[in-house]
């Protein structure tokens, strides 16, 4: 797998143990972590988690990315995980406060480009916590559909054919920098 997936203004690069402080700061940011699993304020624990993750990455079980500008400014993080046959999930998506407006669209495009065209998946499944309206609306505008819900979450799906329609709509963000 290529360690970098680029869009017009940013790229995804595989997270490293050295990213622990940045990732922990994002996950502890109360303006960003309301809908995420809680994490302890412990840099060493984050380093340990990343070291264990690198083993899962090597086994192609999941990928954790740092979203960064072409100037290598870290803007956020996201994960691709829960591989089930031809379907993947993505989440743990956090962009730092003040990230450029294009970062959300381009990081989502980069995830789908990576998963559908580099990793060969045909479908995506993911959940959005109830009450997380901004993320819910983002995914709906992108083309994902709600397939069921439970007490805590709405469950979405998005397939490669649907992405290809969305890809045309946002192609200006995919141009090489």
N, C-alpha and C. Protein backbone atom coordinates (compact mmCIF):
# COMPACT_ATOMS: atom_id res chain seq x y z
N UNK A 1 0.83 -1.18 0.00
CA UNK A 1 0.00 0.00 0.00
C UNK A 1 0.87 1.24 0.00
N UNK A 2 0.51 2.18 -0.84
CA UNK A 2 1.22 3.45 -0.87
C UNK A 2 0.98 4.19 0.45
N UNK A 3 2.04 4.74 1.05
CA UNK A 3 1.84 5.43 2.32
C UNK A 3 1.18 6.79 2.18
N UNK A 4 1.01 7.27 0.97
CA UNK A 4 0.44 8.60 0.77
C UNK A 4 -0.66 8.56 -0.27
N UNK A 5 -1.80 9.17 0.03
CA UNK A 5 -2.89 9.33 -0.93
C UNK A 5 -3.19 10.81 -0.98
N UNK A 6 -3.00 11.44 -2.14
CA UNK A 6 -3.13 12.88 -2.26
C UNK A 6 -4.41 13.31 -2.93
N UNK A 7 -4.88 14.48 -2.53
CA UNK A 7 -5.94 15.21 -3.22
C UNK A 7 -5.33 16.55 -3.61
N UNK A 8 -6.14 17.48 -4.01
CA UNK A 8 -5.62 18.77 -4.46
C UNK A 8 -4.80 19.48 -3.39
N UNK A 9 -5.29 19.48 -2.16
CA UNK A 9 -4.67 20.28 -1.11
C UNK A 9 -4.11 19.50 0.08
N UNK A 10 -4.33 18.20 0.12
CA UNK A 10 -3.83 17.43 1.26
C UNK A 10 -3.47 16.02 0.86
N UNK A 11 -2.97 15.31 1.84
CA UNK A 11 -2.64 13.90 1.64
C UNK A 11 -2.90 13.13 2.91
N UNK A 12 -3.07 11.84 2.76
CA UNK A 12 -3.14 10.93 3.90
C UNK A 12 -1.79 10.24 3.99
N UNK A 13 -1.24 10.18 5.18
CA UNK A 13 -0.03 9.38 5.40
C UNK A 13 -0.28 8.49 6.60
N UNK A 14 0.31 7.33 6.58
CA UNK A 14 0.12 6.38 7.67
C UNK A 14 0.65 6.97 8.98
N UNK A 15 -0.13 6.82 10.02
CA UNK A 15 0.26 7.32 11.35
C UNK A 15 1.46 6.53 11.86
N UNK A 16 2.27 7.22 12.62
CA UNK A 16 3.45 6.63 13.24
C UNK A 16 3.38 6.85 14.75
N UNK A 17 4.15 6.09 15.50
CA UNK A 17 4.19 6.26 16.95
C UNK A 17 4.55 7.71 17.31
N UNK A 18 5.38 8.34 16.51
CA UNK A 18 5.78 9.73 16.76
C UNK A 18 4.62 10.71 16.67
N UNK A 19 3.48 10.29 16.13
CA UNK A 19 2.29 11.16 16.03
C UNK A 19 1.45 11.12 17.30
N UNK A 20 1.88 10.41 18.32
CA UNK A 20 1.06 10.19 19.52
C UNK A 20 0.60 11.49 20.17
N UNK A 21 1.47 12.47 20.33
CA UNK A 21 1.08 13.71 21.01
C UNK A 21 0.03 14.46 20.21
N UNK A 22 0.20 14.54 18.90
CA UNK A 22 -0.79 15.21 18.05
C UNK A 22 -2.15 14.51 18.13
N UNK A 23 -2.14 13.19 18.01
CA UNK A 23 -3.38 12.41 18.03
C UNK A 23 -4.07 12.56 19.40
N UNK A 24 -3.30 12.44 20.46
CA UNK A 24 -3.89 12.56 21.79
C UNK A 24 -4.50 13.95 21.99
N UNK A 25 -3.81 14.99 21.55
CA UNK A 25 -4.36 16.35 21.69
C UNK A 25 -5.70 16.47 20.96
N UNK A 26 -5.80 15.89 19.77
CA UNK A 26 -7.07 15.91 19.04
C UNK A 26 -8.15 15.16 19.81
N UNK A 27 -7.82 13.98 20.29
CA UNK A 27 -8.81 13.14 20.96
C UNK A 27 -9.25 13.71 22.30
N UNK A 28 -8.41 14.55 22.92
CA UNK A 28 -8.77 15.17 24.20
C UNK A 28 -9.49 16.50 24.02
N UNK A 29 -9.51 17.02 22.81
CA UNK A 29 -10.16 18.32 22.54
C UNK A 29 -11.67 18.17 22.73
N UNK A 30 -12.20 18.83 23.75
CA UNK A 30 -13.62 18.68 24.08
C UNK A 30 -14.54 19.18 22.98
N UNK A 31 -14.06 20.07 22.13
CA UNK A 31 -14.90 20.54 21.02
C UNK A 31 -14.96 19.52 19.89
N UNK A 32 -14.13 18.48 19.96
CA UNK A 32 -14.05 17.49 18.88
C UNK A 32 -14.40 16.06 19.31
N UNK A 33 -14.35 15.76 20.59
CA UNK A 33 -14.41 14.35 21.01
C UNK A 33 -15.76 13.88 21.54
N UNK A 34 -16.77 14.69 21.43
CA UNK A 34 -18.06 14.35 22.02
C UNK A 34 -18.61 13.00 21.53
N UNK A 35 -18.38 12.65 20.28
CA UNK A 35 -18.95 11.44 19.71
C UNK A 35 -17.91 10.33 19.51
N UNK A 36 -16.77 10.46 20.15
CA UNK A 36 -15.71 9.46 20.03
C UNK A 36 -15.59 8.65 21.32
N UNK A 37 -14.97 7.50 21.21
CA UNK A 37 -14.68 6.71 22.41
C UNK A 37 -13.72 7.50 23.30
N UNK A 38 -13.95 7.48 24.60
CA UNK A 38 -13.06 8.23 25.49
C UNK A 38 -11.65 7.66 25.48
N UNK A 39 -10.70 8.53 25.76
CA UNK A 39 -9.29 8.14 25.81
C UNK A 39 -8.68 8.79 27.04
N UNK A 40 -7.71 8.11 27.64
CA UNK A 40 -7.06 8.69 28.81
C UNK A 40 -5.97 9.68 28.40
N UNK A 41 -5.75 10.68 29.23
CA UNK A 41 -4.74 11.70 28.97
C UNK A 41 -3.37 11.14 29.35
N UNK A 42 -2.85 10.30 28.46
CA UNK A 42 -1.60 9.58 28.74
C UNK A 42 -0.87 9.37 27.40
N UNK A 43 0.16 10.17 27.17
CA UNK A 43 0.89 10.08 25.90
C UNK A 43 1.51 8.70 25.72
N UNK A 44 2.03 8.12 26.79
CA UNK A 44 2.64 6.79 26.66
C UNK A 44 1.59 5.75 26.28
N UNK A 45 0.40 5.83 26.83
CA UNK A 45 -0.67 4.91 26.44
C UNK A 45 -1.01 5.08 24.97
N UNK A 46 -1.01 6.33 24.48
CA UNK A 46 -1.28 6.57 23.05
C UNK A 46 -0.16 5.99 22.20
N UNK A 47 1.09 6.15 22.64
CA UNK A 47 2.23 5.55 21.92
C UNK A 47 2.09 4.04 21.87
N UNK A 48 1.71 3.44 23.00
CA UNK A 48 1.54 1.99 23.06
C UNK A 48 0.44 1.54 22.10
N UNK A 49 -0.68 2.28 22.07
CA UNK A 49 -1.77 1.94 21.16
C UNK A 49 -1.29 2.00 19.71
N UNK A 50 -0.54 3.06 19.38
CA UNK A 50 -0.03 3.20 18.01
C UNK A 50 0.95 2.08 17.67
N UNK A 51 1.78 1.67 18.61
CA UNK A 51 2.71 0.57 18.35
C UNK A 51 1.94 -0.71 18.06
N UNK A 52 0.88 -0.97 18.82
CA UNK A 52 0.05 -2.14 18.56
C UNK A 52 -0.67 -2.02 17.22
N UNK A 53 -1.14 -0.79 16.92
CA UNK A 53 -1.80 -0.55 15.63
C UNK A 53 -0.85 -0.88 14.48
N UNK A 54 0.42 -0.51 14.57
CA UNK A 54 1.37 -0.74 13.47
C UNK A 54 1.43 -2.22 13.12
N UNK A 55 1.24 -3.09 14.09
CA UNK A 55 1.19 -4.53 13.82
C UNK A 55 -0.05 -4.86 12.99
N UNK A 56 -1.20 -4.27 13.35
CA UNK A 56 -2.43 -4.50 12.58
C UNK A 56 -2.30 -3.93 11.16
N UNK A 57 -1.61 -2.82 11.04
CA UNK A 57 -1.36 -2.24 9.72
C UNK A 57 -0.53 -3.21 8.87
N UNK A 58 0.53 -3.75 9.45
CA UNK A 58 1.38 -4.69 8.72
C UNK A 58 0.60 -5.92 8.27
N UNK A 59 -0.40 -6.31 9.05
CA UNK A 59 -1.24 -7.46 8.70
C UNK A 59 -2.41 -7.04 7.80
N UNK A 60 -2.44 -5.78 7.40
CA UNK A 60 -3.48 -5.21 6.53
C UNK A 60 -4.88 -5.37 7.13
N UNK A 61 -4.96 -5.18 8.44
CA UNK A 61 -6.24 -5.27 9.15
C UNK A 61 -6.89 -3.90 9.34
N UNK A 62 -6.09 -2.86 9.37
CA UNK A 62 -6.60 -1.50 9.49
C UNK A 62 -5.51 -0.51 9.13
N UNK A 63 -5.92 0.71 8.83
CA UNK A 63 -4.98 1.78 8.50
C UNK A 63 -5.42 3.03 9.25
N UNK A 64 -4.46 3.65 9.92
CA UNK A 64 -4.69 4.90 10.64
C UNK A 64 -3.89 5.97 9.92
N UNK A 65 -4.56 7.01 9.52
CA UNK A 65 -3.92 8.05 8.72
C UNK A 65 -3.88 9.38 9.45
N UNK A 66 -2.81 10.11 9.21
CA UNK A 66 -2.75 11.52 9.56
C UNK A 66 -3.11 12.27 8.29
N UNK A 67 -4.04 13.19 8.42
CA UNK A 67 -4.44 14.06 7.32
C UNK A 67 -3.50 15.26 7.39
N UNK A 68 -2.79 15.53 6.30
CA UNK A 68 -1.87 16.67 6.35
C UNK A 68 -1.87 17.43 5.04
N UNK A 69 -1.49 18.71 5.14
CA UNK A 69 -1.37 19.55 3.95
C UNK A 69 -0.16 19.08 3.16
N UNK A 70 -0.06 19.56 1.93
CA UNK A 70 1.12 19.21 1.13
C UNK A 70 2.39 19.80 1.73
N UNK A 71 2.22 20.83 2.57
CA UNK A 71 3.36 21.41 3.29
C UNK A 71 3.67 20.63 4.58
N UNK A 72 3.01 19.50 4.76
CA UNK A 72 3.19 18.57 5.87
C UNK A 72 2.71 19.12 7.21
N UNK A 73 1.71 20.01 7.18
CA UNK A 73 1.07 20.45 8.41
C UNK A 73 -0.03 19.44 8.75
N UNK A 74 0.06 18.85 9.93
CA UNK A 74 -0.94 17.88 10.36
C UNK A 74 -2.27 18.60 10.60
N UNK A 75 -3.33 18.10 9.96
CA UNK A 75 -4.66 18.72 10.05
C UNK A 75 -5.66 17.84 10.78
N UNK A 76 -5.40 16.54 10.87
CA UNK A 76 -6.35 15.65 11.52
C UNK A 76 -5.93 14.21 11.38
N UNK A 77 -6.87 13.33 11.72
CA UNK A 77 -6.65 11.88 11.65
C UNK A 77 -7.93 11.19 11.24
N UNK A 78 -7.79 9.96 10.75
CA UNK A 78 -8.93 9.09 10.47
C UNK A 78 -8.43 7.66 10.34
N UNK A 79 -9.35 6.71 10.50
CA UNK A 79 -9.00 5.29 10.41
C UNK A 79 -9.86 4.59 9.37
N UNK A 80 -9.28 3.57 8.73
CA UNK A 80 -9.98 2.64 7.85
C UNK A 80 -9.81 1.28 8.52
N UNK A 81 -10.94 0.62 8.83
CA UNK A 81 -10.89 -0.59 9.66
C UNK A 81 -12.14 -1.44 9.46
N UNK A 82 -12.30 -2.47 10.28
CA UNK A 82 -13.46 -3.36 10.28
C UNK A 82 -13.74 -3.92 8.89
N UNK A 83 -12.71 -4.51 8.30
CA UNK A 83 -12.83 -5.10 6.97
C UNK A 83 -13.71 -6.34 7.04
N UNK A 84 -14.77 -6.36 6.23
CA UNK A 84 -15.70 -7.49 6.18
C UNK A 84 -15.93 -7.84 4.72
N UNK A 85 -15.19 -8.82 4.22
CA UNK A 85 -15.31 -9.19 2.81
C UNK A 85 -14.93 -8.02 1.93
N UNK A 86 -15.89 -7.56 1.11
CA UNK A 86 -15.60 -6.45 0.19
C UNK A 86 -16.00 -5.10 0.77
N UNK A 87 -16.23 -5.04 2.10
CA UNK A 87 -16.68 -3.81 2.74
C UNK A 87 -15.70 -3.37 3.83
N UNK A 88 -15.59 -2.07 4.01
CA UNK A 88 -14.73 -1.48 5.03
C UNK A 88 -15.54 -0.44 5.80
N UNK A 89 -14.99 -0.06 6.92
CA UNK A 89 -15.56 1.05 7.69
C UNK A 89 -14.49 2.11 7.85
N UNK A 90 -14.92 3.32 8.09
CA UNK A 90 -13.95 4.36 8.42
C UNK A 90 -14.54 5.27 9.48
N UNK A 91 -13.65 5.85 10.27
CA UNK A 91 -14.10 6.69 11.36
C UNK A 91 -12.90 7.22 12.13
N UNK A 92 -13.13 7.49 13.43
CA UNK A 92 -12.11 8.15 14.26
C UNK A 92 -11.61 9.41 13.55
N UNK A 93 -12.54 10.06 12.87
CA UNK A 93 -12.24 11.20 11.99
C UNK A 93 -12.30 12.48 12.79
N UNK A 94 -11.15 13.11 12.97
CA UNK A 94 -11.06 14.37 13.70
C UNK A 94 -10.19 15.32 12.90
N UNK A 95 -10.69 16.51 12.67
CA UNK A 95 -9.89 17.57 12.07
C UNK A 95 -9.65 18.62 13.15
N UNK A 96 -8.45 19.15 13.19
CA UNK A 96 -8.13 20.09 14.26
C UNK A 96 -8.91 21.39 14.10
N UNK A 97 -9.15 22.09 15.20
CA UNK A 97 -9.81 23.38 15.10
C UNK A 97 -9.03 24.30 14.16
N UNK A 98 -9.75 24.98 13.31
CA UNK A 98 -9.10 25.88 12.37
C UNK A 98 -8.58 25.22 11.11
N UNK A 99 -8.84 23.92 10.94
CA UNK A 99 -8.41 23.24 9.70
C UNK A 99 -9.09 23.93 8.52
N UNK A 100 -8.43 23.99 7.39
CA UNK A 100 -9.04 24.64 6.21
C UNK A 100 -10.38 24.00 5.84
N UNK A 101 -11.25 24.79 5.24
CA UNK A 101 -12.59 24.31 4.91
C UNK A 101 -12.57 23.11 3.98
N UNK A 102 -11.57 22.99 3.12
CA UNK A 102 -11.51 21.87 2.18
C UNK A 102 -11.11 20.56 2.85
N UNK A 103 -10.62 20.60 4.08
CA UNK A 103 -10.06 19.41 4.72
C UNK A 103 -11.09 18.29 4.89
N UNK A 104 -12.32 18.63 5.22
CA UNK A 104 -13.33 17.58 5.41
C UNK A 104 -13.63 16.88 4.09
N UNK A 105 -13.94 17.64 3.06
CA UNK A 105 -14.26 17.04 1.76
C UNK A 105 -13.08 16.25 1.22
N UNK A 106 -11.90 16.86 1.25
CA UNK A 106 -10.75 16.19 0.66
C UNK A 106 -10.30 14.96 1.47
N UNK A 107 -10.43 15.00 2.79
CA UNK A 107 -10.04 13.80 3.54
C UNK A 107 -11.03 12.67 3.30
N UNK A 108 -12.32 12.99 3.16
CA UNK A 108 -13.30 11.95 2.83
C UNK A 108 -13.03 11.39 1.44
N UNK A 109 -12.77 12.25 0.48
CA UNK A 109 -12.43 11.78 -0.87
C UNK A 109 -11.20 10.88 -0.82
N UNK A 110 -10.19 11.28 -0.08
CA UNK A 110 -8.96 10.49 0.00
C UNK A 110 -9.21 9.12 0.61
N UNK A 111 -10.11 9.05 1.59
CA UNK A 111 -10.44 7.74 2.19
C UNK A 111 -11.08 6.85 1.14
N UNK A 112 -12.07 7.37 0.43
CA UNK A 112 -12.76 6.54 -0.56
C UNK A 112 -11.84 6.19 -1.73
N UNK A 113 -11.00 7.11 -2.15
CA UNK A 113 -10.04 6.81 -3.21
C UNK A 113 -9.13 5.65 -2.78
N UNK A 114 -8.64 5.73 -1.55
CA UNK A 114 -7.75 4.70 -1.03
C UNK A 114 -8.47 3.36 -0.92
N UNK A 115 -9.63 3.37 -0.30
CA UNK A 115 -10.34 2.11 -0.02
C UNK A 115 -10.88 1.46 -1.29
N UNK A 116 -11.48 2.24 -2.18
CA UNK A 116 -12.08 1.66 -3.38
C UNK A 116 -11.05 1.35 -4.46
N UNK A 117 -10.10 2.23 -4.68
CA UNK A 117 -9.20 2.06 -5.83
C UNK A 117 -7.84 1.49 -5.48
N UNK A 118 -7.41 1.64 -4.24
CA UNK A 118 -6.11 1.09 -3.87
C UNK A 118 -6.26 -0.24 -3.11
N UNK A 119 -7.22 -0.29 -2.20
CA UNK A 119 -7.42 -1.50 -1.41
C UNK A 119 -8.42 -2.46 -2.02
N UNK A 120 -9.20 -2.00 -3.00
CA UNK A 120 -10.09 -2.88 -3.75
C UNK A 120 -11.45 -3.17 -3.13
N UNK A 121 -11.87 -2.40 -2.13
CA UNK A 121 -13.19 -2.60 -1.55
C UNK A 121 -14.28 -2.14 -2.52
N UNK A 122 -15.47 -2.70 -2.36
CA UNK A 122 -16.62 -2.34 -3.19
C UNK A 122 -17.70 -1.58 -2.42
N UNK A 123 -17.64 -1.70 -1.09
CA UNK A 123 -18.67 -1.09 -0.26
C UNK A 123 -18.05 -0.53 1.02
N UNK A 124 -18.81 0.36 1.65
CA UNK A 124 -18.40 0.94 2.92
C UNK A 124 -19.57 0.85 3.88
N UNK A 125 -19.29 0.54 5.14
CA UNK A 125 -20.29 0.55 6.20
C UNK A 125 -19.72 1.34 7.37
N UNK A 126 -20.53 2.14 7.99
CA UNK A 126 -20.05 2.92 9.14
C UNK A 126 -21.24 3.40 9.96
N UNK A 127 -20.94 3.88 11.15
CA UNK A 127 -21.96 4.37 12.05
C UNK A 127 -21.69 5.82 12.40
N UNK A 128 -22.77 6.55 12.66
CA UNK A 128 -22.68 7.92 13.16
C UNK A 128 -23.54 7.97 14.41
N UNK A 129 -22.95 8.46 15.48
CA UNK A 129 -23.70 8.58 16.73
C UNK A 129 -24.87 9.53 16.56
N UNK A 130 -26.00 9.17 17.14
CA UNK A 130 -27.17 10.04 17.11
C UNK A 130 -26.82 11.36 17.80
N UNK A 131 -27.29 12.44 17.22
CA UNK A 131 -26.98 13.77 17.73
C UNK A 131 -25.81 14.43 17.02
N UNK A 132 -25.02 13.65 16.29
CA UNK A 132 -23.87 14.20 15.56
C UNK A 132 -24.34 14.67 14.19
N UNK A 133 -25.16 15.69 14.20
CA UNK A 133 -25.86 16.13 12.98
C UNK A 133 -24.92 16.62 11.88
N UNK A 134 -23.86 17.32 12.24
CA UNK A 134 -22.95 17.82 11.19
C UNK A 134 -22.34 16.67 10.39
N UNK A 135 -21.89 15.64 11.09
CA UNK A 135 -21.28 14.49 10.41
C UNK A 135 -22.35 13.71 9.65
N UNK A 136 -23.50 13.53 10.26
CA UNK A 136 -24.61 12.83 9.60
C UNK A 136 -24.96 13.52 8.28
N UNK A 137 -25.15 14.83 8.31
CA UNK A 137 -25.51 15.58 7.10
C UNK A 137 -24.39 15.54 6.06
N UNK A 138 -23.15 15.59 6.51
CA UNK A 138 -22.02 15.49 5.59
C UNK A 138 -22.11 14.18 4.80
N UNK A 139 -22.28 13.07 5.51
CA UNK A 139 -22.33 11.76 4.84
C UNK A 139 -23.54 11.64 3.91
N UNK A 140 -24.66 12.17 4.32
CA UNK A 140 -25.84 12.13 3.45
C UNK A 140 -25.59 12.94 2.17
N UNK A 141 -25.01 14.12 2.30
CA UNK A 141 -24.69 14.93 1.11
C UNK A 141 -23.69 14.22 0.21
N UNK A 142 -22.81 13.45 0.82
CA UNK A 142 -21.79 12.72 0.06
C UNK A 142 -22.39 11.55 -0.69
N UNK A 143 -23.56 11.07 -0.27
CA UNK A 143 -24.23 9.99 -0.98
C UNK A 143 -24.47 8.73 -0.17
N UNK A 144 -23.98 8.68 1.06
CA UNK A 144 -24.21 7.51 1.90
C UNK A 144 -25.68 7.46 2.29
N UNK A 145 -26.17 6.26 2.58
CA UNK A 145 -27.57 6.09 2.96
C UNK A 145 -27.65 5.39 4.32
N UNK A 146 -28.66 5.79 5.09
CA UNK A 146 -28.92 5.14 6.37
C UNK A 146 -29.65 3.83 6.09
N UNK A 147 -29.12 2.73 6.60
CA UNK A 147 -29.74 1.42 6.36
C UNK A 147 -30.44 0.87 7.59
N UNK A 148 -30.07 1.37 8.76
CA UNK A 148 -30.76 1.00 9.99
C UNK A 148 -30.28 1.91 11.10
N UNK A 149 -30.95 1.82 12.22
CA UNK A 149 -30.51 2.58 13.39
C UNK A 149 -30.80 1.77 14.65
N UNK A 150 -30.08 2.11 15.70
CA UNK A 150 -30.33 1.52 17.00
C UNK A 150 -30.40 2.67 18.00
N UNK A 151 -30.36 2.36 19.28
CA UNK A 151 -30.51 3.40 20.30
C UNK A 151 -29.43 4.47 20.22
N UNK A 152 -28.20 4.08 19.86
CA UNK A 152 -27.07 4.99 19.89
C UNK A 152 -26.65 5.55 18.54
N UNK A 153 -26.86 4.78 17.46
CA UNK A 153 -26.24 5.13 16.18
C UNK A 153 -27.16 4.92 15.00
N UNK A 154 -26.83 5.64 13.93
CA UNK A 154 -27.39 5.35 12.62
C UNK A 154 -26.31 4.61 11.84
N UNK A 155 -26.71 3.58 11.13
CA UNK A 155 -25.79 2.75 10.37
C UNK A 155 -25.93 3.12 8.89
N UNK A 156 -24.80 3.45 8.28
CA UNK A 156 -24.77 3.91 6.89
C UNK A 156 -24.07 2.88 6.01
N UNK A 157 -24.40 2.95 4.72
CA UNK A 157 -23.66 2.23 3.69
C UNK A 157 -23.43 3.16 2.52
N UNK A 158 -22.37 2.88 1.80
CA UNK A 158 -22.01 3.67 0.63
C UNK A 158 -21.22 2.73 -0.27
N UNK A 159 -21.63 2.58 -1.52
CA UNK A 159 -20.90 1.65 -2.38
C UNK A 159 -20.06 2.41 -3.41
N UNK A 160 -19.22 1.65 -4.08
CA UNK A 160 -18.28 2.24 -5.04
C UNK A 160 -19.03 2.95 -6.16
N UNK A 161 -20.12 2.39 -6.64
CA UNK A 161 -20.89 3.03 -7.72
C UNK A 161 -21.43 4.38 -7.25
N UNK A 162 -21.92 4.44 -6.02
CA UNK A 162 -22.40 5.71 -5.47
C UNK A 162 -21.26 6.70 -5.31
N UNK A 163 -20.11 6.19 -4.89
CA UNK A 163 -18.95 7.07 -4.76
C UNK A 163 -18.54 7.65 -6.11
N UNK A 164 -18.63 6.85 -7.15
CA UNK A 164 -18.21 7.35 -8.46
C UNK A 164 -19.06 8.53 -8.92
N UNK A 165 -20.33 8.56 -8.54
CA UNK A 165 -21.18 9.73 -8.81
C UNK A 165 -20.68 10.92 -8.00
N UNK A 166 -20.45 10.69 -6.72
CA UNK A 166 -19.95 11.75 -5.83
C UNK A 166 -18.59 12.24 -6.30
N UNK A 167 -17.76 11.33 -6.73
CA UNK A 167 -16.41 11.67 -7.20
C UNK A 167 -16.46 12.68 -8.35
N UNK A 168 -17.42 12.51 -9.25
CA UNK A 168 -17.56 13.46 -10.35
C UNK A 168 -17.97 14.85 -9.83
N UNK A 169 -18.85 14.86 -8.85
CA UNK A 169 -19.33 16.12 -8.29
C UNK A 169 -18.20 16.90 -7.61
N UNK A 170 -17.26 16.18 -6.99
CA UNK A 170 -16.17 16.83 -6.24
C UNK A 170 -14.83 16.69 -6.94
N UNK A 171 -14.80 16.38 -8.22
CA UNK A 171 -13.53 16.10 -8.90
C UNK A 171 -12.53 17.24 -8.83
N UNK A 172 -13.01 18.47 -8.68
CA UNK A 172 -12.08 19.61 -8.59
C UNK A 172 -11.16 19.49 -7.37
N UNK A 173 -11.59 18.74 -6.35
CA UNK A 173 -10.77 18.55 -5.16
C UNK A 173 -9.77 17.40 -5.32
N UNK A 174 -9.92 16.62 -6.38
CA UNK A 174 -9.03 15.48 -6.59
C UNK A 174 -7.82 15.80 -7.46
N UNK A 175 -7.85 16.94 -8.10
CA UNK A 175 -6.74 17.31 -9.00
C UNK A 175 -5.42 17.30 -8.24
N UNK A 176 -4.38 16.88 -8.93
CA UNK A 176 -3.05 16.87 -8.32
C UNK A 176 -2.65 18.29 -7.95
N UNK A 177 -1.93 18.40 -6.85
CA UNK A 177 -1.50 19.73 -6.37
C UNK A 177 -0.41 20.28 -7.26
